Amino acid sequence: MATLSNDRKTITVRAVDVHRAKMLLEAGEAVLIDVREFIEYEDEHIPGAALFPLSDFDSRRPEGDGGKIGIFHCRSGRRTAEHFERFVDTGFREVVHMDGGIVDWSIAGYPVRSEDGEAGEPEESAQPSGSEAA
């Protein structure tokens, strides 16, 4: 967990690691939102993730399900952590960012789809980062 502050307010950035994110998604308790750009998403993405690029992100879209957790992710987690306050008012019961992003998701061996629609092979060269669970 980290804290962002500016002159107006303080926002606590809540994070989940990829293992917790996958568990929440499989249980139907969360939805996954990819904030990378279209070209990144087209190259590879997590099956079932909805694309809402950060470059034109509007907190009224996606319309959050008040009963679910909104899990926001990017490539490594940096963008979602730095822009976390933009996701807070999306209407989800809770908003978190996925620490490590699609990089750690892939390293953990979880499925990704490439531009040709095939499941990509996960990377095995690094360890997933740890983070606080929701």
C-alpha atoms as a PDB file:
ATOM      1  CA  MET A   1       0.000   0.000   0.000  1.00  0.00           C
ATOM      2  CA  ALA A   2       1.259   3.473  -0.866  1.00  0.00           C
ATOM      3  CA  THR A   3      -0.083   6.962  -0.365  1.00  0.00           C
ATOM      4  CA  LEU A   4      -0.414   9.691  -2.986  1.00  0.00           C
ATOM      5  CA  SER A   5      -0.903  13.262  -1.814  1.00  0.00           C
ATOM      6  CA  ASN A   6      -1.496  16.574  -3.484  1.00  0.00           C
ATOM      7  CA  ASP A   7      -2.927  19.889  -2.319  1.00  0.00           C
ATOM      8  CA  ARG A   8      -6.486  18.588  -2.519  1.00  0.00           C
ATOM      9  CA  LYS A   9      -6.535  15.073  -1.090  1.00  0.00           C
ATOM     10  CA  THR A  10      -4.664  11.973  -0.037  1.00  0.00           C
ATOM     11  CA  ILE A  11      -5.293   8.697  -1.832  1.00  0.00           C
ATOM     12  CA  THR A  12      -4.200   5.305  -0.536  1.00  0.00           C
ATOM     13  CA  VAL A  13      -3.130   3.029  -3.360  1.00  0.00           C
ATOM     14  CA  ARG A  14      -4.331  -0.473  -2.643  1.00  0.00           C
ATOM     15  CA  ALA A  15      -2.562  -3.292  -4.433  1.00  0.00           C
ATOM     16  CA  VAL A  16      -3.078  -6.996  -4.948  1.00  0.00           C
ATOM     17  CA  ASP A  17      -0.500  -9.369  -6.329  1.00  0.00           C
ATOM     18  CA  VAL A  18      -1.288 -11.453  -9.404  1.00  0.00           C
ATOM     19  CA  HIS A  19      -2.150 -14.542  -7.358  1.00  0.00           C
ATOM     20  CA  ARG A  20      -4.785 -12.698  -5.322  1.00  0.00           C
ATOM     21  CA  ALA A  21      -6.087 -11.025  -8.492  1.00  0.00           C
ATOM     22  CA  LYS A  22      -6.514 -14.380 -10.222  1.00  0.00           C
ATOM     23  CA  MET A  23      -8.290 -15.820  -7.202  1.00  0.00           C
ATOM     24  CA  LEU A  24     -10.714 -12.860  -7.055  1.00  0.00           C
ATOM     25  CA  LEU A  25     -11.391 -13.083 -10.799  1.00  0.00           C
ATOM     26  CA  GLU A  26     -12.003 -16.836 -10.702  1.00  0.00           C
ATOM     27  CA  ALA A  27     -14.385 -16.405  -7.747  1.00  0.00           C
ATOM     28  CA  GLY A  28     -16.381 -13.845  -9.746  1.00  0.00           C
ATOM     29  CA  GLU A  29     -15.693 -11.168  -7.135  1.00  0.00           C
ATOM     30  CA  ALA A  30     -13.769  -8.842  -9.452  1.00  0.00           C
ATOM     31  CA  VAL A  31     -13.408  -7.510 -12.972  1.00  0.00           C
ATOM     32  CA  LEU A  32     -10.076  -6.838 -14.665  1.00  0.00           C
ATOM     33  CA  ILE A  33      -9.418  -3.531 -16.429  1.00  0.00           C
ATOM     34  CA  ASP A  34      -6.382  -3.070 -18.660  1.00  0.00           C
ATOM     35  CA  VAL A  35      -5.296   0.585 -18.901  1.00  0.00           C
ATOM     36  CA  ARG A  36      -2.488   0.059 -21.410  1.00  0.00           C
ATOM     37  CA  GLU A  37      -2.780   1.448 -24.918  1.00  0.00           C
ATOM     38  CA  PHE A  38      -4.556  -0.428 -27.733  1.00  0.00           C
ATOM     39  CA  ILE A  39      -1.290  -1.487 -29.418  1.00  0.00           C
ATOM     40  CA  GLU A  40      -0.048  -3.021 -26.150  1.00  0.00           C
ATOM     41  CA  TYR A  41      -3.355  -4.824 -25.618  1.00  0.00           C
ATOM     42  CA  GLU A  42      -3.363  -6.071 -29.201  1.00  0.00           C
ATOM     43  CA  ASP A  43       0.170  -7.446 -28.738  1.00  0.00           C
ATOM     44  CA  GLU A  44      -0.854  -9.424 -25.643  1.00  0.00           C
ATOM     45  CA  HIS A  45      -3.548  -9.254 -23.004  1.00  0.00           C
ATOM     46  CA  ILE A  46      -5.081 -11.205 -20.172  1.00  0.00           C
ATOM     47  CA  PRO A  47      -8.162 -13.103 -21.377  1.00  0.00           C
ATOM     48  CA  GLY A  48     -11.317 -11.398 -20.128  1.00  0.00           C
ATOM     49  CA  ALA A  49      -9.641  -8.063 -19.379  1.00  0.00           C
ATOM     50  CA  ALA A  50     -11.555  -5.009 -20.584  1.00  0.00           C
ATOM     51  CA  LEU A  51      -9.462  -2.341 -22.317  1.00  0.00           C
ATOM     52  CA  PHE A  52      -9.806   1.277 -21.148  1.00  0.00           C
ATOM     53  CA  PRO A  53      -6.569   3.045 -22.203  1.00  0.00           C
ATOM     54  CA  LEU A  54      -5.123   5.484 -19.702  1.00  0.00           C
ATOM     55  CA  SER A  55      -4.530   8.061 -22.463  1.00  0.00           C
ATOM     56  CA  ASP A  56      -8.271   8.718 -22.703  1.00  0.00           C
ATOM     57  CA  PHE A  57      -9.490   7.234 -19.429  1.00  0.00           C
ATOM     58  CA  ASP A  58     -12.759   8.645 -18.142  1.00  0.00           C
ATOM     59  CA  SER A  59     -13.827   7.666 -14.615  1.00  0.00           C
ATOM     60  CA  ARG A  60     -17.432   7.370 -15.841  1.00  0.00           C
ATOM     61  CA  ARG A  61     -16.258   4.526 -18.048  1.00  0.00           C
ATOM     62  CA  PRO A  62     -15.956   1.733 -17.243  1.00  0.00           C
ATOM     63  CA  GLU A  63     -19.175   1.755 -15.289  1.00  0.00           C
ATOM     64  CA  GLY A  64     -18.227  -0.157 -12.193  1.00  0.00           C
ATOM     65  CA  ASP A  65     -20.329  -2.871 -10.692  1.00  0.00           C
ATOM     66  CA  GLY A  66     -20.916  -1.679  -7.125  1.00  0.00           C
ATOM     67  CA  GLY A  67     -20.790  -5.270  -5.928  1.00  0.00           C
ATOM     68  CA  LYS A  68     -17.427  -6.128  -7.466  1.00  0.00           C
ATOM     69  CA  ILE A  69     -13.791  -5.194  -7.041  1.00  0.00           C
ATOM     70  CA  GLY A  70     -12.231  -3.320  -9.950  1.00  0.00           C
ATOM     71  CA  ILE A  71      -8.700  -4.601 -10.544  1.00  0.00           C
ATOM     72  CA  PHE A  72      -6.741  -2.193 -12.747  1.00  0.00           C
ATOM     73  CA  HIS A  73      -3.569  -3.313 -14.450  1.00  0.00           C
ATOM     74  CA  CYS A  74      -0.920  -2.132 -16.886  1.00  0.00           C
ATOM     75  CA  ARG A  75       2.373  -3.652 -18.016  1.00  0.00           C
ATOM     76  CA  SER A  76       4.288  -3.594 -14.719  1.00  0.00           C
ATOM     77  CA  GLY A  77       2.030  -1.821 -12.227  1.00  0.00           C
ATOM     78  CA  ARG A  78       3.775   1.562 -12.418  1.00  0.00           C
ATOM     79  CA  ARG A  79       1.092   3.370 -14.437  1.00  0.00           C
ATOM     80  CA  THR A  80      -1.798   2.031 -12.389  1.00  0.00           C
ATOM     81  CA  ALA A  81      -0.089   2.988  -9.132  1.00  0.00           C
ATOM     82  CA  GLU A  82       0.834   6.487 -10.361  1.00  0.00           C
ATOM     83  CA  HIS A  83      -2.667   7.196 -11.730  1.00  0.00           C
ATOM     84  CA  PHE A  84      -4.638   5.344  -9.063  1.00  0.00           C
ATOM     85  CA  GLU A  85      -6.762   8.347  -8.090  1.00  0.00           C
ATOM     86  CA  ARG A  86      -8.305   8.325 -11.589  1.00  0.00           C
ATOM     87  CA  PHE A  87      -9.810   4.879 -10.918  1.00  0.00           C
ATOM     88  CA  VAL A  88     -11.305   5.556  -7.495  1.00  0.00           C
ATOM     89  CA  ASP A  89     -14.600   7.025  -8.724  1.00  0.00           C
ATOM     90  CA  THR A  90     -15.459   4.285 -11.215  1.00  0.00           C
ATOM     91  CA  GLY A  91     -18.247   2.853  -9.045  1.00  0.00           C
ATOM     92  CA  PHE A  92     -16.718  -0.436  -7.984  1.00  0.00           C
ATOM     93  CA  ARG A  93     -17.162  -1.704  -4.423  1.00  0.00           C
ATOM     94  CA  GLU A  94     -13.383  -1.509  -4.107  1.00  0.00           C
ATOM     95  CA  VAL A  95     -10.610  -0.424  -6.474  1.00  0.00           C
ATOM     96  CA  VAL A  96      -7.143  -1.978  -6.482  1.00  0.00           C
ATOM     97  CA  HIS A  97      -4.209  -2.080  -8.825  1.00  0.00           C
ATOM     98  CA  MET A  98      -2.493  -5.308  -9.784  1.00  0.00           C
ATOM     99  CA  ASP A  99       1.083  -5.005  -8.639  1.00  0.00           C
ATOM    100  CA  GLY A 100       3.476  -6.308 -11.278  1.00  0.00           C
ATOM    101  CA  GLY A 101       0.896  -5.998 -14.067  1.00  0.00           C
ATOM    102  CA  ILE A 102       0.788  -8.337 -17.017  1.00  0.00           C
ATOM    103  CA  VAL A 103       4.539  -8.959 -16.649  1.00  0.00           C
ATOM    104  CA  ASP A 104       4.126 -10.685 -13.263  1.00  0.00           C
ATOM    105  CA  TRP A 105       0.887 -12.336 -14.450  1.00  0.00           C
ATOM    106  CA  SER A 106       2.813 -13.959 -17.291  1.00  0.00           C
ATOM    107  CA  ILE A 107       5.777 -14.870 -15.080  1.00  0.00           C
ATOM    108  CA  ALA A 108       3.366 -16.636 -12.702  1.00  0.00           C
ATOM    109  CA  GLY A 109       2.314 -18.841 -15.630  1.00  0.00           C
ATOM    110  CA  TYR A 110      -1.186 -17.417 -15.962  1.00  0.00           C
ATOM    111  CA  PRO A 111      -2.662 -17.209 -19.474  1.00  0.00           C
ATOM    112  CA  VAL A 112      -2.150 -14.297 -21.843  1.00  0.00           C
ATOM    113  CA  ARG A 113      -3.427 -13.932 -25.389  1.00  0.00           C
ATOM    114  CA  SER A 114      -1.179 -12.719 -28.173  1.00  0.00           C
ATOM    115  CA  GLU A 115      -2.256 -10.794 -31.264  1.00  0.00           C
ATOM    116  CA  ASP A 116      -2.784 -14.060 -33.126  1.00  0.00           C
ATOM    117  CA  GLY A 117      -5.237 -15.196 -30.452  1.00  0.00           C
ATOM    118  CA  GLU A 118      -2.995 -17.941 -29.142  1.00  0.00           C
ATOM    119  CA  ALA A 119      -2.115 -18.325 -25.504  1.00  0.00           C
ATOM    120  CA  GLY A 120       1.405 -17.038 -24.984  1.00  0.00           C
ATOM    121  CA  GLU A 121       4.134 -18.809 -23.136  1.00  0.00           C
ATOM    122  CA  PRO A 122       4.873 -17.261 -19.747  1.00  0.00           C
ATOM    123  CA  GLU A 123       8.275 -15.773 -19.059  1.00  0.00           C
ATOM    124  CA  GLU A 124      10.407 -17.654 -16.557  1.00  0.00           C
ATOM    125  CA  SER A 125      13.284 -15.255 -16.017  1.00  0.00           C
ATOM    126  CA  ALA A 126      12.088 -13.275 -13.005  1.00  0.00           C
ATOM    127  CA  GLN A 127      10.210 -13.728  -9.778  1.00  0.00           C
ATOM    128  CA  PRO A 128       6.813 -12.093  -9.207  1.00  0.00           C
ATOM    129  CA  SER A 129       6.860  -9.154  -6.842  1.00  0.00           C
ATOM    130  CA  GLY A 130       5.111  -9.381  -3.512  1.00  0.00           C
ATOM    131  CA  SER A 131       2.432  -6.945  -2.472  1.00  0.00           C
ATOM    132  CA  GLU A 132      -0.357  -6.514  -0.020  1.00  0.00           C
ATOM    133  CA  ALA A 133      -3.585  -8.368  -0.691  1.00  0.00           C
ATOM    134  CA  ALA A 134      -6.964  -6.679  -0.513  1.00  0.00           C
END
